[in-house]
C-alpha atoms as a PDB file:
ATOM      1  CA  MET A   1      86.495 182.103 198.389  1.00  0.00           C
ATOM      2  CA  ALA A   2      82.899 183.338 197.911  1.00  0.00           C
ATOM      3  CA  ARG A   3      79.918 180.843 199.080  1.00  0.00           C
ATOM      4  CA  ASN A   4      76.857 181.039 196.695  1.00  0.00           C
ATOM      5  CA  ASP A   5      75.685 177.727 196.207  1.00  0.00           C
ATOM      6  CA  SER A   6      72.029 176.796 195.964  1.00  0.00           C
ATOM      7  CA  VAL A   7      69.592 174.317 194.970  1.00  0.00           C
ATOM      8  CA  THR A   8      66.418 176.015 193.677  1.00  0.00           C
ATOM      9  CA  SER A   9      62.813 173.858 192.323  1.00  0.00           C
ATOM     10  CA  ASN A  10      64.403 174.568 188.383  1.00  0.00           C
ATOM     11  CA  GLY A  11      68.406 172.915 189.173  1.00  0.00           C
ATOM     12  CA  LEU A  12      70.048 171.761 192.292  1.00  0.00           C
ATOM     13  CA  GLU A  13      72.805 173.509 192.271  1.00  0.00           C
ATOM     14  CA  LEU A  14      75.715 174.214 194.066  1.00  0.00           C
ATOM     15  CA  HIS A  15      78.077 176.744 193.383  1.00  0.00           C
ATOM     16  CA  LYS A  16      81.671 177.662 194.415  1.00  0.00           C
ATOM     17  CA  THR A  17      82.548 181.297 193.486  1.00  0.00           C
ATOM     18  CA  GLY A  18      79.884 181.600 191.059  1.00  0.00           C
ATOM     19  CA  SER A  19      80.443 178.270 189.187  1.00  0.00           C
ATOM     20  CA  LYS A  20      78.494 175.175 189.368  1.00  0.00           C
ATOM     21  CA  ILE A  21      79.862 172.466 190.886  1.00  0.00           C
ATOM     22  CA  VAL A  22      76.704 169.522 190.911  1.00  0.00           C
ATOM     23  CA  ASP A  23      75.041 169.075 187.744  1.00  0.00           C
ATOM     24  CA  ALA A  24      71.699 170.718 187.795  1.00  0.00           C
ATOM     25  CA  MET A  25      68.517 168.752 187.642  1.00  0.00           C
ATOM     26  CA  GLU A  26      64.960 169.415 187.671  1.00  0.00           C
ATOM     27  CA  LEU A  27      63.145 168.435 190.152  1.00  0.00           C
ATOM     28  CA  ASP A  28      59.980 166.761 191.180  1.00  0.00           C
ATOM     29  CA  SER A  29      57.912 167.300 193.882  1.00  0.00           C
ATOM     30  CA  PRO A  30      59.707 167.447 197.096  1.00  0.00           C
ATOM     31  CA  ASP A  31      57.274 165.789 199.544  1.00  0.00           C
ATOM     32  CA  THR A  32      57.531 161.998 199.204  1.00  0.00           C
ATOM     33  CA  SER A  33      58.902 160.708 202.119  1.00  0.00           C
ATOM     34  CA  PHE A  34      59.484 156.860 202.853  1.00  0.00           C
ATOM     35  CA  SER A  35      60.300 155.064 206.159  1.00  0.00           C
ATOM     36  CA  SER A  36      61.294 151.870 204.156  1.00  0.00           C
ATOM     37  CA  ALA A  37      61.507 152.982 200.782  1.00  0.00           C
ATOM     38  CA  MET A  38      61.480 149.508 199.062  1.00  0.00           C
ATOM     39  CA  ASP A  39      58.054 147.949 200.208  1.00  0.00           C
ATOM     40  CA  ILE A  40      56.586 146.129 197.044  1.00  0.00           C
ATOM     41  CA  VAL A  41      53.780 143.550 197.530  1.00  0.00           C
ATOM     42  CA  SER A  42      52.422 143.607 194.152  1.00  0.00           C
ATOM     43  CA  ASP A  43      53.377 140.912 191.143  1.00  0.00           C
ATOM     44  CA  SER A  44      55.178 141.272 188.194  1.00  0.00           C
ATOM     45  CA  GLY A  45      52.595 142.961 186.751  1.00  0.00           C
ATOM     46  CA  THR A  46      49.286 141.718 187.007  1.00  0.00           C
ATOM     47  CA  HIS A  47      47.510 145.025 187.968  1.00  0.00           C
ATOM     48  CA  LEU A  48      49.623 147.251 185.948  1.00  0.00           C
ATOM     49  CA  GLU A  49      48.023 151.229 186.081  1.00  0.00           C
ATOM     50  CA  SER A  50      48.267 153.014 182.911  1.00  0.00           C
ATOM     51  CA  SER A  51      47.280 156.283 182.551  1.00  0.00           C
ATOM     52  CA  GLN A  52      43.751 157.316 181.566  1.00  0.00           C
ATOM     53  CA  THR A  53      42.882 157.056 177.248  1.00  0.00           C
ATOM     54  CA  ASP A  54      40.606 158.591 175.610  1.00  0.00           C
ATOM     55  CA  THR A  55      38.939 155.511 174.120  1.00  0.00           C
ATOM     56  CA  GLY A  56      39.617 151.474 174.718  1.00  0.00           C
ATOM     57  CA  ASN A  57      40.037 151.475 170.717  1.00  0.00           C
ATOM     58  CA  VAL A  58      42.721 149.360 168.937  1.00  0.00           C
ATOM     59  CA  THR A  59      43.724 150.374 165.504  1.00  0.00           C
ATOM     60  CA  ASP A  60      45.536 148.756 162.416  1.00  0.00           C
ATOM     61  CA  ILE A  61      49.270 150.224 162.150  1.00  0.00           C
ATOM     62  CA  SER A  62      48.070 153.066 159.873  1.00  0.00           C
ATOM     63  CA  GLY A  63      45.805 154.089 162.428  1.00  0.00           C
ATOM     64  CA  SER A  64      43.206 154.170 160.100  1.00  0.00           C
ATOM     65  CA  ASP A  65      40.472 151.702 160.812  1.00  0.00           C
ATOM     66  CA  LEU A  66      39.199 150.470 164.195  1.00  0.00           C
ATOM     67  CA  LEU A  67      39.810 146.819 164.686  1.00  0.00           C
ATOM     68  CA  TYR A  68      38.370 145.945 168.507  1.00  0.00           C
ATOM     69  CA  SER A  69      36.825 148.506 171.048  1.00  0.00           C
ATOM     70  CA  THR A  70      36.316 147.876 174.747  1.00  0.00           C
ATOM     71  CA  GLY A  71      33.638 150.615 174.856  1.00  0.00           C
ATOM     72  CA  ARG A  72      35.136 152.528 177.785  1.00  0.00           C
ATOM     73  CA  ASP A  73      38.653 154.040 178.798  1.00  0.00           C
ATOM     74  CA  LEU A  74      41.379 151.203 179.769  1.00  0.00           C
ATOM     75  CA  GLU A  75      42.508 151.655 183.615  1.00  0.00           C
ATOM     76  CA  ALA A  76      44.566 148.291 183.915  1.00  0.00           C
ATOM     77  CA  PHE A  77      46.024 145.926 181.665  1.00  0.00           C
ATOM     78  CA  HIS A  78      45.627 142.143 183.350  1.00  0.00           C
ATOM     79  CA  LEU A  79      47.055 140.500 181.091  1.00  0.00           C
ATOM     80  CA  PHE A  80      50.781 142.433 181.083  1.00  0.00           C
ATOM     81  CA  SER A  81      51.920 139.052 183.409  1.00  0.00           C
ATOM     82  CA  SER A  82      50.940 137.110 180.329  1.00  0.00           C
ATOM     83  CA  LEU A  83      53.402 138.105 178.084  1.00  0.00           C
ATOM     84  CA  LYS A  84      56.834 137.144 177.398  1.00  0.00           C
ATOM     85  CA  PRO A  85      59.656 138.362 179.735  1.00  0.00           C
ATOM     86  CA  GLU A  86      61.718 140.160 177.138  1.00  0.00           C
ATOM     87  CA  LEU A  87      58.718 141.787 176.129  1.00  0.00           C
ATOM     88  CA  ARG A  88      57.812 143.061 179.422  1.00  0.00           C
ATOM     89  CA  LYS A  89      61.553 144.148 180.511  1.00  0.00           C
ATOM     90  CA  ARG A  90      61.486 146.065 177.042  1.00  0.00           C
ATOM     91  CA  ILE A  91      57.999 147.780 177.884  1.00  0.00           C
ATOM     92  CA  TRP A  92      59.435 148.800 181.526  1.00  0.00           C
ATOM     93  CA  LEU A  93      63.005 150.451 180.083  1.00  0.00           C
ATOM     94  CA  LEU A  94      60.563 151.826 177.542  1.00  0.00           C
ATOM     95  CA  ALA A  95      58.753 153.444 180.453  1.00  0.00           C
ATOM     96  CA  ALA A  96      62.109 154.344 182.384  1.00  0.00           C
ATOM     97  CA  PRO A  97      63.231 157.759 182.650  1.00  0.00           C
ATOM     98  CA  ALA A  98      66.801 158.429 182.054  1.00  0.00           C
ATOM     99  CA  PRO A  99      69.309 157.703 185.416  1.00  0.00           C
ATOM    100  CA  ARG A 100      69.526 161.103 187.275  1.00  0.00           C
ATOM    101  CA  THR A 101      71.178 162.342 190.713  1.00  0.00           C
ATOM    102  CA  ARG A 102      69.116 162.973 193.752  1.00  0.00           C
ATOM    103  CA  PHE A 103      69.538 164.425 197.132  1.00  0.00           C
ATOM    104  CA  LEU A 104      68.673 161.481 199.628  1.00  0.00           C
ATOM    105  CA  GLU A 105      67.776 162.651 202.917  1.00  0.00           C
ATOM    106  CA  MET A 106      68.191 160.902 206.096  1.00  0.00           C
ATOM    107  CA  TYR A 107      65.760 162.681 208.540  1.00  0.00           C
ATOM    108  CA  ARG A 108      63.703 162.221 212.059  1.00  0.00           C
ATOM    109  CA  TYR A 109      66.688 159.929 213.490  1.00  0.00           C
ATOM    110  CA  ILE A 110      65.192 160.157 217.059  1.00  0.00           C
ATOM    111  CA  ASP A 111      66.721 157.021 219.042  1.00  0.00           C
ATOM    112  CA  PHE A 112      69.357 155.259 217.944  1.00  0.00           C
ATOM    113  CA  THR A 113      67.500 151.695 218.076  1.00  0.00           C
ATOM    114  CA  LEU A 114      65.375 153.190 215.000  1.00  0.00           C
ATOM    115  CA  THR A 115      66.743 153.947 211.613  1.00  0.00           C
ATOM    116  CA  PRO A 116      65.994 157.422 210.215  1.00  0.00           C
ATOM    117  CA  GLN A 117      63.131 158.393 207.323  1.00  0.00           C
ATOM    118  CA  LEU A 118      64.336 158.599 203.708  1.00  0.00           C
ATOM    119  CA  ARG A 119      63.366 161.198 201.502  1.00  0.00           C
ATOM    120  CA  TYR A 120      64.303 161.335 197.668  1.00  0.00           C
ATOM    121  CA  ILE A 121      64.997 164.737 195.912  1.00  0.00           C
ATOM    122  CA  PRO A 122      63.589 164.235 193.306  1.00  0.00           C
ATOM    123  CA  PRO A 123      62.016 161.226 194.251  1.00  0.00           C
ATOM    124  CA  LEU A 124      62.091 157.346 192.652  1.00  0.00           C
ATOM    125  CA  PRO A 125      60.276 156.837 189.207  1.00  0.00           C
ATOM    126  CA  PRO A 126      57.317 155.331 189.960  1.00  0.00           C
ATOM    127  CA  LEU A 127      58.405 151.727 188.253  1.00  0.00           C
ATOM    128  CA  PHE A 128      60.165 151.705 191.843  1.00  0.00           C
ATOM    129  CA  HIS A 129      56.826 150.811 193.545  1.00  0.00           C
ATOM    130  CA  THR A 130      54.726 149.130 190.308  1.00  0.00           C
ATOM    131  CA  SER A 131      56.111 145.665 190.754  1.00  0.00           C
ATOM    132  CA  ARG A 132      58.845 143.477 192.027  1.00  0.00           C
ATOM    133  CA  GLU A 133      60.202 143.023 188.374  1.00  0.00           C
ATOM    134  CA  SER A 134      59.702 146.452 187.308  1.00  0.00           C
ATOM    135  CA  ARG A 135      61.735 147.362 190.489  1.00  0.00           C
ATOM    136  CA  LYS A 136      64.696 144.900 189.702  1.00  0.00           C
ATOM    137  CA  LEU A 137      64.867 146.613 186.527  1.00  0.00           C
ATOM    138  CA  SER A 138      64.703 150.157 187.348  1.00  0.00           C
ATOM    139  CA  ILE A 139      67.759 149.295 190.022  1.00  0.00           C
ATOM    140  CA  THR A 140      69.885 148.387 187.283  1.00  0.00           C
ATOM    141  CA  HIS A 141      68.451 150.996 184.696  1.00  0.00           C
ATOM    142  CA  GLU A 142      69.669 153.414 187.347  1.00  0.00           C
ATOM    143  CA  GLY A 143      72.661 152.060 188.392  1.00  0.00           C
ATOM    144  CA  GLY A 144      72.209 151.845 191.864  1.00  0.00           C
ATOM    145  CA  GLU A 145      72.032 149.125 194.662  1.00  0.00           C
ATOM    146  CA  LEU A 146      69.142 148.161 197.604  1.00  0.00           C
ATOM    147  CA  VAL A 147      71.187 148.917 200.729  1.00  0.00           C
ATOM    148  CA  CYS A 148      70.513 147.796 204.503  1.00  0.00           C
ATOM    149  CA  PHE A 149      70.654 149.705 207.540  1.00  0.00           C
ATOM    150  CA  THR A 150      72.327 148.289 210.331  1.00  0.00           C
ATOM    151  CA  ASP A 151      68.929 147.445 212.483  1.00  0.00           C
ATOM    152  CA  ASP A 152      67.443 144.441 213.172  1.00  0.00           C
ATOM    153  CA  PRO A 153      65.254 143.410 210.892  1.00  0.00           C
ATOM    154  CA  PRO A 154      67.634 145.474 208.170  1.00  0.00           C
ATOM    155  CA  GLU A 155      65.599 147.567 206.178  1.00  0.00           C
ATOM    156  CA  GLN A 156      66.451 148.023 202.361  1.00  0.00           C
ATOM    157  CA  PHE A 157      66.370 151.161 200.556  1.00  0.00           C
ATOM    158  CA  TYR A 158      68.103 152.329 197.240  1.00  0.00           C
ATOM    159  CA  LEU A 159      70.667 153.999 196.740  1.00  0.00           C
ATOM    160  CA  ASN A 160      73.482 154.861 194.122  1.00  0.00           C
ATOM    161  CA  VAL A 161      77.032 156.203 195.712  1.00  0.00           C
ATOM    162  CA  GLU A 162      78.655 157.320 192.668  1.00  0.00           C
ATOM    163  CA  ARG A 163      76.031 159.398 191.761  1.00  0.00           C
ATOM    164  CA  ASP A 164      73.352 160.113 194.550  1.00  0.00           C
ATOM    165  CA  ILE A 165      74.068 162.749 197.467  1.00  0.00           C
ATOM    166  CA  ILE A 166      73.455 162.249 201.284  1.00  0.00           C
ATOM    167  CA  PHE A 167      71.628 164.804 202.999  1.00  0.00           C
ATOM    168  CA  LEU A 168      71.726 165.280 206.345  1.00  0.00           C
ATOM    169  CA  SER A 169      69.590 168.294 207.389  1.00  0.00           C
ATOM    170  CA  SER A 170      68.769 170.553 210.293  1.00  0.00           C
ATOM    171  CA  ARG A 171      66.197 168.457 210.777  1.00  0.00           C
ATOM    172  CA  PHE A 172      67.898 165.318 211.265  1.00  0.00           C
ATOM    173  CA  ASN A 173      66.813 165.204 215.200  1.00  0.00           C
ATOM    174  CA  PRO A 174      63.391 167.225 215.225  1.00  0.00           C
ATOM    175  CA  ASP A 175      63.911 167.847 218.676  1.00  0.00           C
ATOM    176  CA  ILE A 176      67.247 168.984 219.543  1.00  0.00           C
ATOM    177  CA  ASN A 177      69.614 170.827 217.115  1.00  0.00           C
ATOM    178  CA  THR A 178      72.636 168.149 216.247  1.00  0.00           C
ATOM    179  CA  THR A 179      75.922 168.993 215.328  1.00  0.00           C
ATOM    180  CA  GLU A 180      77.615 168.259 211.889  1.00  0.00           C
ATOM    181  CA  THR A 181      79.849 166.132 213.785  1.00  0.00           C
ATOM    182  CA  TYR A 182      77.091 164.275 215.548  1.00  0.00           C
ATOM    183  CA  ARG A 183      75.580 163.411 212.453  1.00  0.00           C
ATOM    184  CA  LEU A 184      78.298 162.428 210.262  1.00  0.00           C
ATOM    185  CA  ARG A 185      79.066 160.144 213.321  1.00  0.00           C
ATOM    186  CA  GLU A 186      75.469 158.687 213.458  1.00  0.00           C
ATOM    187  CA  LEU A 187      75.367 158.135 209.627  1.00  0.00           C
ATOM    188  CA  THR A 188      78.746 155.952 209.930  1.00  0.00           C
ATOM    189  CA  SER A 189      76.523 153.822 213.135  1.00  0.00           C
ATOM    190  CA  PHE A 190      73.271 152.751 210.984  1.00  0.00           C
ATOM    191  CA  LEU A 191      74.792 152.152 207.334  1.00  0.00           C
ATOM    192  CA  PRO A 192      77.510 149.885 206.771  1.00  0.00           C
ATOM    193  CA  LEU A 193      80.974 150.581 206.608  1.00  0.00           C
ATOM    194  CA  PRO A 194      81.385 148.699 203.320  1.00  0.00           C
ATOM    195  CA  ILE A 195      78.640 151.792 202.423  1.00  0.00           C
ATOM    196  CA  ILE A 196      80.161 154.548 204.267  1.00  0.00           C
ATOM    197  CA  SER A 197      83.599 153.941 202.466  1.00  0.00           C
ATOM    198  CA  ARG A 198      82.020 154.465 198.860  1.00  0.00           C
ATOM    199  CA  LEU A 199      79.886 157.646 199.474  1.00  0.00           C
ATOM    200  CA  ARG A 200      80.862 160.264 197.026  1.00  0.00           C
ATOM    201  CA  ARG A 201      79.263 163.257 198.378  1.00  0.00           C
ATOM    202  CA  ILE A 202      77.478 164.311 201.449  1.00  0.00           C
ATOM    203  CA  VAL A 203      75.494 167.961 202.872  1.00  0.00           C
ATOM    204  CA  VAL A 204      75.515 168.600 206.294  1.00  0.00           C
ATOM    205  CA  THR A 205      73.493 171.558 207.034  1.00  0.00           C
ATOM    206  CA  TYR A 206      75.168 174.294 209.768  1.00  0.00           C
ATOM    207  CA  SER A 207      74.700 173.827 213.231  1.00  0.00           C
ATOM    208  CA  GLY A 208      76.365 177.026 214.643  1.00  0.00           C
ATOM    209  CA  LEU A 209      77.155 174.696 217.543  1.00  0.00           C
ATOM    210  CA  ASP A 210      79.802 172.313 216.033  1.00  0.00           C
ATOM    211  CA  SER A 211      83.598 173.631 217.066  1.00  0.00           C
ATOM    212  CA  TYR A 212      84.916 170.801 214.332  1.00  0.00           C
ATOM    213  CA  GLU A 213      87.366 169.894 217.075  1.00  0.00           C
ATOM    214  CA  HIS A 214      86.302 165.848 216.844  1.00  0.00           C
ATOM    215  CA  ILE A 215      85.290 165.654 213.292  1.00  0.00           C
ATOM    216  CA  GLY A 216      88.909 164.921 211.729  1.00  0.00           C
ATOM    217  CA  PRO A 217      88.927 160.943 212.823  1.00  0.00           C
ATOM    218  CA  ILE A 218      85.247 160.236 211.436  1.00  0.00           C
ATOM    219  CA  PHE A 219      86.467 161.534 207.998  1.00  0.00           C
ATOM    220  CA  ARG A 220      88.563 158.578 208.127  1.00  0.00           C
ATOM    221  CA  THR A 221      85.439 156.617 207.595  1.00  0.00           C
ATOM    222  CA  PHE A 222      84.799 157.891 204.443  1.00  0.00           C
ATOM    223  CA  THR A 223      87.825 157.015 202.449  1.00  0.00           C
ATOM    224  CA  ASN A 224      86.153 157.621 198.807  1.00  0.00           C
ATOM    225  CA  LEU A 225      84.300 161.157 199.527  1.00  0.00           C
ATOM    226  CA  ASP A 226      85.149 163.173 196.782  1.00  0.00           C
ATOM    227  CA  ALA A 227      82.894 166.378 198.339  1.00  0.00           C
ATOM    228  CA  PHE A 228      81.472 167.354 201.630  1.00  0.00           C
ATOM    229  CA  TYR A 229      79.407 170.390 201.711  1.00  0.00           C
ATOM    230  CA  LEU A 230      78.385 172.363 204.566  1.00  0.00           C
ATOM    231  CA  ALA A 231      75.287 174.101 203.845  1.00  0.00           C
ATOM    232  CA  MET A 232      75.106 177.139 205.506  1.00  0.00           C
ATOM    233  CA  MET A 233      71.131 177.132 206.059  1.00  0.00           C
ATOM    234  CA  ASP A 234      68.031 175.032 204.667  1.00  0.00           C
ATOM    235  CA  TRP A 235      64.282 175.249 204.973  1.00  0.00           C
ATOM    236  CA  TRP A 236      64.125 173.704 208.657  1.00  0.00           C
ATOM    237  CA  SER A 237      67.066 175.796 209.769  1.00  0.00           C
ATOM    238  CA  GLY A 238      65.439 176.900 213.463  1.00  0.00           C
ATOM    239  CA  LYS A 239      64.839 180.640 214.014  1.00  0.00           C
ATOM    240  CA  THR A 240      67.339 181.091 216.096  1.00  0.00           C
ATOM    241  CA  MET A 241      70.150 180.312 213.280  1.00  0.00           C
ATOM    242  CA  LYS A 242      68.045 182.338 210.883  1.00  0.00           C
ATOM    243  CA  ARG A 243      68.211 185.330 212.961  1.00  0.00           C
ATOM    244  CA  ARG A 244      71.580 184.797 213.380  1.00  0.00           C
ATOM    245  CA  LEU A 245      72.818 184.196 209.884  1.00  0.00           C
ATOM    246  CA  ARG A 246      70.605 187.206 209.021  1.00  0.00           C
ATOM    247  CA  LYS A 247      72.286 189.678 211.731  1.00  0.00           C
ATOM    248  CA  GLY A 248      75.907 188.508 210.263  1.00  0.00           C
ATOM    249  CA  ARG A 249      77.175 185.243 208.809  1.00  0.00           C
ATOM    250  CA  PRO A 250      80.437 183.840 209.185  1.00  0.00           C
ATOM    251  CA  LYS A 251      82.890 185.226 206.534  1.00  0.00           C
ATOM    252  CA  PRO A 252      82.937 183.042 203.286  1.00  0.00           C
ATOM    253  CA  ASP A 253      84.797 179.715 204.051  1.00  0.00           C
ATOM    254  CA  THR A 254      85.221 180.348 207.560  1.00  0.00           C
ATOM    255  CA  MET A 255      83.359 177.332 208.833  1.00  0.00           C
ATOM    256  CA  ALA A 256      84.451 175.009 205.714  1.00  0.00           C
ATOM    257  CA  GLU A 257      88.227 176.273 206.470  1.00  0.00           C
ATOM    258  CA  LYS A 258      87.813 175.008 210.161  1.00  0.00           C
ATOM    259  CA  VAL A 259      86.648 171.345 208.916  1.00  0.00           C
ATOM    260  CA  ARG A 260      89.242 171.475 206.690  1.00  0.00           C
ATOM    261  CA  ASN A 261      91.633 172.403 209.082  1.00  0.00           C
ATOM    262  CA  GLU A 262      90.690 169.534 211.376  1.00  0.00           C
ATOM    263  CA  VAL A 263      90.511 167.342 209.257  1.00  0.00           C
ATOM    264  CA  GLU A 264      93.801 167.529 207.921  1.00  0.00           C
ATOM    265  CA  ARG A 265      95.496 167.860 211.215  1.00  0.00           C
ATOM    266  CA  THR A 266      94.054 164.503 212.210  1.00  0.00           C
ATOM    267  CA  GLU A 267      95.220 162.839 208.993  1.00  0.00           C
ATOM    268  CA  ALA A 268      98.773 164.237 209.660  1.00  0.00           C
ATOM    269  CA  GLU A 269      98.787 162.504 212.722  1.00  0.00           C
ATOM    270  CA  GLU A 270      98.026 159.056 211.533  1.00  0.00           C
ATOM    271  CA  THR A 271     101.158 156.620 211.052  1.00  0.00           C
ATOM    272  CA  ASP A 272     101.468 153.847 208.791  1.00  0.00           C
ATOM    273  CA  ASP A 273      99.430 150.802 208.493  1.00  0.00           C
ATOM    274  CA  ASP A 274     101.854 147.796 207.857  1.00  0.00           C
ATOM    275  CA  GLU A 275      99.483 145.871 205.994  1.00  0.00           C
ATOM    276  CA  GLU A 276      98.751 148.548 203.701  1.00  0.00           C
ATOM    277  CA  SER A 277     100.784 148.449 200.595  1.00  0.00           C
ATOM    278  CA  GLU A 278     102.650 151.588 198.806  1.00  0.00           C
ATOM    279  CA  GLY A 279     100.050 151.469 196.026  1.00  0.00           C
ATOM    280  CA  GLU A 280      96.596 151.638 198.703  1.00  0.00           C
ATOM    281  CA  ARG A 281      99.131 154.573 200.412  1.00  0.00           C
ATOM    282  CA  MET A 282      98.930 156.493 197.105  1.00  0.00           C
ATOM    283  CA  GLU A 283      95.586 155.855 196.349  1.00  0.00           C
ATOM    284  CA  ARG A 284      94.777 157.427 199.649  1.00  0.00           C
ATOM    285  CA  ALA A 285      96.537 159.996 199.476  1.00  0.00           C
ATOM    286  CA  ARG A 286      95.350 160.901 195.872  1.00  0.00           C
ATOM    287  CA  LYS A 287      91.810 160.591 197.067  1.00  0.00           C
ATOM    288  CA  ARG A 288      92.361 162.914 200.171  1.00  0.00           C
ATOM    289  CA  GLU A 289      94.028 165.700 197.956  1.00  0.00           C
ATOM    290  CA  GLY A 290      91.079 165.569 195.295  1.00  0.00           C
ATOM    291  CA  ARG A 291      88.677 165.689 198.392  1.00  0.00           C
ATOM    292  CA  ARG A 292      86.761 169.449 198.603  1.00  0.00           C
ATOM    293  CA  ILE A 293      85.328 171.109 201.987  1.00  0.00           C
ATOM    294  CA  VAL A 294      83.398 173.446 201.077  1.00  0.00           C
ATOM    295  CA  GLU A 295      80.445 175.822 201.652  1.00  0.00           C
ATOM    296  CA  CYS A 296      76.811 176.384 200.316  1.00  0.00           C
ATOM    297  CA  GLU A 297      73.673 177.106 200.330  1.00  0.00           C
ATOM    298  CA  VAL A 298      71.070 174.782 200.098  1.00  0.00           C
ATOM    299  CA  ARG A 299      67.136 175.483 198.505  1.00  0.00           C
ATOM    300  CA  LEU A 300      64.917 172.426 197.507  1.00  0.00           C
ATOM    301  CA  ASP A 301      61.763 174.210 196.525  1.00  0.00           C
ATOM    302  CA  GLU A 302      60.187 173.778 200.017  1.00  0.00           C
END
């Protein structure tokens, strides 16, 4: 299998033998990062910020007669919270962009007592950070949910398990080069099992250190995983890794094949669960049969 997967500023694309396997999407600035993505302290919109306008004029429906003028540009609409809830909701939804797929990078995981930092690519819409009311409506509009880390007290962040792609990059721990197996194992430790079991797509950057001998058992927890992408390099890959890959990359699909073999070997050694129904066993087998483990290239306009 040839390897030609990419993610660019004009589209988040992962290619398998030249065919797109993740929908392309335009990227906003990738520089936003969050340690707690859902910190909202404002109210339902009392100080709603608006874009600059040329004038503060109000005209009639035909736009021809001036009815009222503030005499200055409007920077905030202080009466927004006084509008009827259904009218505010309609305004929020008109301002909300269409739902889209995002990469959710989890990085700077330097201590098991701390949660990783988060970065959405592209960033979450501004309405997620405007007010509690706009955030609630945005979550419903995007189709995701607030997820808690397993730390105490738990921090919340937004995730759409059906659409978003978890990205465990080479800067997962910036102090050391961690293996793919390590990053997946830590992911299962700081996210609740009910969330882990619902994840659909995961990207992990190649480390060059992993034998994959112990990666099979970790896949048991990802019961709904549709695709596991092994990114051969990302923006933060170390100089040693970049030099190694430039001198000679592994043959296409070699590393992905190693992962597949270990996962399949582990699953073949499983014994039947007496508490699992025949329907559940068939569904588990169906999910595993359709699961893809492929190599890719990742470029996020860094």
